[in-house]
């Protein structure tokens, strides 16, 4: 199904990177960065999401329909977050 074979050392390197990002996320909660804490946490979360999608899910080597459904999931997540935020901000 895929042309690119994943090697164990490559996957272990991605796993170690994810653990480092997890430690960075946990460590960033203790820093007094003020309003920057949310953008920093979101940037780390997007980096972890990209690593998981690119290496563990191997979306680049999958057929087009798999990538379409992955994008559709992100679209639905965006709709969910937008509607939840609009509900939260209208109740303030």
N, C-alpha and C. Protein backbone atom coordinates (compact mmCIF):
# COMPACT_ATOMS: atom_id res chain seq x y z
N UNK A 1 0.81 -1.19 0.00
CA UNK A 1 0.00 0.00 0.00
C UNK A 1 0.86 1.26 0.00
N UNK A 2 2.06 1.19 0.53
CA UNK A 2 2.92 2.35 0.57
C UNK A 2 4.28 2.03 -0.05
N UNK A 3 4.89 3.02 -0.65
CA UNK A 3 6.19 2.83 -1.26
C UNK A 3 7.32 2.99 -0.25
N UNK A 4 7.09 3.82 0.73
CA UNK A 4 8.13 4.15 1.69
C UNK A 4 8.07 3.22 2.89
N UNK A 5 9.12 2.50 3.14
CA UNK A 5 9.17 1.62 4.30
C UNK A 5 9.66 2.42 5.49
N UNK A 6 8.98 2.24 6.60
CA UNK A 6 9.39 2.94 7.81
C UNK A 6 10.36 2.06 8.58
N UNK A 7 11.42 2.66 9.06
CA UNK A 7 12.41 1.91 9.81
C UNK A 7 12.17 2.10 11.30
N UNK A 8 12.59 1.12 12.06
CA UNK A 8 12.43 1.18 13.51
C UNK A 8 13.20 2.36 14.11
N UNK A 9 14.46 2.59 13.74
CA UNK A 9 15.16 3.75 14.31
C UNK A 9 14.48 5.08 13.99
N UNK A 10 13.89 5.20 12.81
CA UNK A 10 13.18 6.43 12.46
C UNK A 10 11.95 6.63 13.33
N UNK A 11 11.20 5.55 13.55
CA UNK A 11 10.02 5.65 14.41
C UNK A 11 10.39 5.92 15.86
N UNK A 12 11.50 5.33 16.31
CA UNK A 12 11.96 5.58 17.68
C UNK A 12 12.38 7.04 17.83
N UNK A 13 13.01 7.60 16.80
CA UNK A 13 13.41 9.01 16.85
C UNK A 13 12.18 9.91 16.94
N UNK A 14 11.13 9.59 16.20
CA UNK A 14 9.89 10.37 16.27
C UNK A 14 9.27 10.21 17.65
N UNK A 15 9.30 9.00 18.20
CA UNK A 15 8.75 8.76 19.53
C UNK A 15 9.50 9.57 20.59
N UNK A 16 10.81 9.60 20.50
CA UNK A 16 11.61 10.38 21.45
C UNK A 16 11.31 11.88 21.29
N UNK A 17 11.13 12.32 20.06
CA UNK A 17 10.76 13.72 19.82
C UNK A 17 9.41 14.04 20.45
N UNK A 18 8.46 13.11 20.32
CA UNK A 18 7.15 13.32 20.95
C UNK A 18 7.26 13.38 22.47
N UNK A 19 8.13 12.55 23.04
CA UNK A 19 8.33 12.60 24.48
C UNK A 19 8.97 13.93 24.90
N UNK A 20 9.89 14.44 24.11
CA UNK A 20 10.50 15.74 24.41
C UNK A 20 9.46 16.85 24.33
N UNK A 21 8.57 16.78 23.32
CA UNK A 21 7.51 17.78 23.22
C UNK A 21 6.53 17.67 24.39
N UNK A 22 6.30 16.45 24.86
CA UNK A 22 5.46 16.26 26.04
C UNK A 22 6.08 16.90 27.27
N UNK A 23 7.40 16.71 27.43
CA UNK A 23 8.10 17.34 28.55
C UNK A 23 8.08 18.86 28.42
N UNK A 24 8.20 19.35 27.20
CA UNK A 24 8.13 20.80 26.97
C UNK A 24 6.75 21.34 27.31
N UNK A 25 5.72 20.59 26.97
CA UNK A 25 4.36 21.00 27.32
C UNK A 25 4.18 21.05 28.83
N UNK A 26 4.63 20.01 29.51
CA UNK A 26 4.51 19.97 30.97
C UNK A 26 5.35 21.07 31.62
N UNK A 27 6.53 21.31 31.08
CA UNK A 27 7.40 22.35 31.64
C UNK A 27 6.90 23.75 31.38
N UNK A 28 6.18 23.94 30.28
CA UNK A 28 5.70 25.28 29.96
C UNK A 28 4.59 25.74 30.89
N UNK A 29 3.96 24.82 31.60
CA UNK A 29 2.92 25.23 32.54
C UNK A 29 3.50 25.93 33.76
N UNK A 30 4.76 25.66 34.07
CA UNK A 30 5.38 26.27 35.24
C UNK A 30 6.00 27.64 34.94
N UNK A 31 6.13 28.00 33.67
CA UNK A 31 6.75 29.27 33.31
C UNK A 31 5.74 30.40 33.37
N UNK A 32 6.14 31.54 33.90
CA UNK A 32 5.22 32.69 33.95
C UNK A 32 5.27 33.50 32.65
N UNK A 33 4.65 33.00 31.60
CA UNK A 33 4.71 33.66 30.31
C UNK A 33 3.46 34.47 30.00
N UNK A 34 2.51 34.50 30.92
CA UNK A 34 1.31 35.32 30.72
C UNK A 34 0.42 34.79 29.62
N UNK A 35 0.01 35.69 28.74
CA UNK A 35 -0.93 35.30 27.70
C UNK A 35 -0.27 34.48 26.60
N UNK A 36 1.06 34.37 26.61
CA UNK A 36 1.77 33.57 25.62
C UNK A 36 1.63 32.08 25.87
N UNK A 37 1.11 31.68 27.01
CA UNK A 37 1.05 30.25 27.33
C UNK A 37 0.13 29.50 26.37
N UNK A 38 -0.99 30.12 25.98
CA UNK A 38 -1.91 29.45 25.05
C UNK A 38 -1.30 29.28 23.66
N UNK A 39 -0.74 30.32 23.03
CA UNK A 39 -0.13 30.10 21.71
C UNK A 39 1.04 29.12 21.73
N UNK A 40 1.83 29.13 22.80
CA UNK A 40 2.95 28.20 22.90
C UNK A 40 2.43 26.77 23.01
N UNK A 41 1.42 26.57 23.84
CA UNK A 41 0.84 25.23 24.00
C UNK A 41 0.20 24.74 22.70
N UNK A 42 -0.47 25.63 21.99
CA UNK A 42 -1.08 25.25 20.71
C UNK A 42 -0.02 24.92 19.66
N UNK A 43 1.07 25.67 19.63
CA UNK A 43 2.15 25.37 18.68
C UNK A 43 2.76 24.01 18.96
N UNK A 44 2.96 23.69 20.23
CA UNK A 44 3.49 22.38 20.58
C UNK A 44 2.50 21.28 20.20
N UNK A 45 1.21 21.53 20.43
CA UNK A 45 0.18 20.54 20.08
C UNK A 45 0.12 20.30 18.58
N UNK A 46 0.23 21.38 17.78
CA UNK A 46 0.23 21.22 16.33
C UNK A 46 1.47 20.45 15.86
N UNK A 47 2.61 20.68 16.49
CA UNK A 47 3.82 19.94 16.13
C UNK A 47 3.64 18.46 16.43
N UNK A 48 3.06 18.12 17.58
CA UNK A 48 2.83 16.72 17.91
C UNK A 48 1.83 16.10 16.95
N UNK A 49 0.79 16.84 16.59
CA UNK A 49 -0.21 16.33 15.65
C UNK A 49 0.42 16.05 14.29
N UNK A 50 1.27 16.95 13.82
CA UNK A 50 1.94 16.75 12.54
C UNK A 50 2.82 15.52 12.57
N UNK A 51 3.58 15.34 13.63
CA UNK A 51 4.47 14.18 13.72
C UNK A 51 3.68 12.87 13.71
N UNK A 52 2.58 12.84 14.43
CA UNK A 52 1.77 11.63 14.48
C UNK A 52 1.15 11.35 13.11
N UNK A 53 0.61 12.38 12.47
CA UNK A 53 -0.02 12.18 11.17
C UNK A 53 1.00 11.81 10.09
N UNK A 54 2.15 12.44 10.12
CA UNK A 54 3.13 12.21 9.06
C UNK A 54 3.86 10.89 9.21
N UNK A 55 4.19 10.48 10.43
CA UNK A 55 5.04 9.31 10.60
C UNK A 55 4.27 8.08 11.06
N UNK A 56 3.44 8.21 12.10
CA UNK A 56 2.75 7.03 12.60
C UNK A 56 1.54 6.66 11.75
N UNK A 57 0.80 7.66 11.27
CA UNK A 57 -0.34 7.37 10.40
C UNK A 57 0.09 7.23 8.94
N UNK A 58 1.28 7.72 8.60
CA UNK A 58 1.86 7.63 7.25
C UNK A 58 0.90 8.16 6.19
N UNK A 59 0.36 9.34 6.42
CA UNK A 59 -0.62 9.90 5.50
C UNK A 59 -0.04 10.23 4.13
N UNK A 60 1.24 10.53 4.08
CA UNK A 60 1.84 10.88 2.79
C UNK A 60 1.84 9.70 1.83
N UNK A 61 1.99 8.49 2.33
CA UNK A 61 2.04 7.32 1.49
C UNK A 61 0.70 6.66 1.27
N UNK A 62 -0.36 7.20 1.81
CA UNK A 62 -1.69 6.60 1.70
C UNK A 62 -2.40 7.07 0.44
N UNK A 63 -3.42 6.32 0.01
CA UNK A 63 -4.20 6.77 -1.14
C UNK A 63 -4.97 8.06 -0.83
N UNK A 64 -5.45 8.68 -1.88
CA UNK A 64 -6.11 9.98 -1.73
C UNK A 64 -7.32 9.97 -0.83
N UNK A 65 -8.09 8.90 -0.81
CA UNK A 65 -9.32 8.87 -0.01
C UNK A 65 -9.00 8.92 1.48
N UNK A 66 -7.89 8.33 1.89
CA UNK A 66 -7.50 8.37 3.30
C UNK A 66 -7.14 9.80 3.70
N UNK A 67 -6.43 10.49 2.83
CA UNK A 67 -6.08 11.89 3.12
C UNK A 67 -7.31 12.78 3.11
N UNK A 68 -8.28 12.48 2.24
CA UNK A 68 -9.53 13.25 2.22
C UNK A 68 -10.25 13.10 3.54
N UNK A 69 -10.32 11.89 4.07
CA UNK A 69 -11.00 11.69 5.34
C UNK A 69 -10.22 12.30 6.50
N UNK A 70 -8.91 12.34 6.43
CA UNK A 70 -8.12 13.01 7.47
C UNK A 70 -8.40 14.51 7.47
N UNK A 71 -8.48 15.10 6.30
CA UNK A 71 -8.81 16.54 6.19
C UNK A 71 -10.25 16.77 6.64
N UNK A 72 -11.16 15.85 6.30
CA UNK A 72 -12.55 16.00 6.74
C UNK A 72 -12.65 15.98 8.26
N UNK A 73 -11.85 15.17 8.91
CA UNK A 73 -11.83 15.16 10.37
C UNK A 73 -11.36 16.49 10.93
N UNK A 74 -10.36 17.09 10.30
CA UNK A 74 -9.90 18.40 10.75
C UNK A 74 -10.95 19.48 10.51
N UNK A 75 -11.69 19.37 9.41
CA UNK A 75 -12.77 20.33 9.14
C UNK A 75 -13.84 20.23 10.21
N UNK A 76 -14.24 19.01 10.56
CA UNK A 76 -15.25 18.84 11.59
C UNK A 76 -14.74 19.32 12.94
N UNK A 77 -13.48 19.11 13.24
CA UNK A 77 -12.92 19.62 14.49
C UNK A 77 -12.96 21.14 14.51
N UNK A 78 -12.66 21.78 13.39
CA UNK A 78 -12.73 23.23 13.30
C UNK A 78 -14.16 23.73 13.52
N UNK A 79 -15.13 23.04 12.93
CA UNK A 79 -16.54 23.42 13.13
C UNK A 79 -16.91 23.27 14.59
N UNK A 80 -16.51 22.17 15.22
CA UNK A 80 -16.82 21.95 16.63
C UNK A 80 -16.23 23.04 17.51
N UNK A 81 -14.96 23.37 17.29
CA UNK A 81 -14.31 24.39 18.11
C UNK A 81 -14.91 25.78 17.86
N UNK A 82 -15.26 26.08 16.62
CA UNK A 82 -15.86 27.37 16.30
C UNK A 82 -17.21 27.53 16.97
N UNK A 83 -18.05 26.52 16.87
CA UNK A 83 -19.37 26.60 17.49
C UNK A 83 -19.29 26.62 19.02
N UNK A 84 -18.35 25.86 19.58
CA UNK A 84 -18.18 25.89 21.03
C UNK A 84 -17.69 27.25 21.50
N UNK A 85 -16.75 27.84 20.77
CA UNK A 85 -16.25 29.16 21.14
C UNK A 85 -17.34 30.22 20.99
N UNK A 86 -18.14 30.13 19.94
CA UNK A 86 -19.21 31.12 19.77
C UNK A 86 -20.24 31.00 20.89
N UNK A 87 -20.53 29.78 21.32
CA UNK A 87 -21.45 29.60 22.44
C UNK A 87 -20.85 30.18 23.73
N UNK A 88 -19.58 29.93 23.96
CA UNK A 88 -18.93 30.43 25.17
C UNK A 88 -18.90 31.95 25.18
N UNK A 89 -18.53 32.57 24.07
CA UNK A 89 -18.40 34.02 24.05
C UNK A 89 -19.75 34.74 24.05
N UNK A 90 -20.81 34.11 23.60
CA UNK A 90 -22.13 34.77 23.66
C UNK A 90 -22.73 34.69 25.05
N UNK A 91 -22.24 33.83 25.91
CA UNK A 91 -22.75 33.73 27.29
C UNK A 91 -22.03 34.66 28.24
N UNK A 92 -21.00 35.32 27.80
CA UNK A 92 -20.25 36.20 28.70
C UNK A 92 -20.98 37.48 28.97
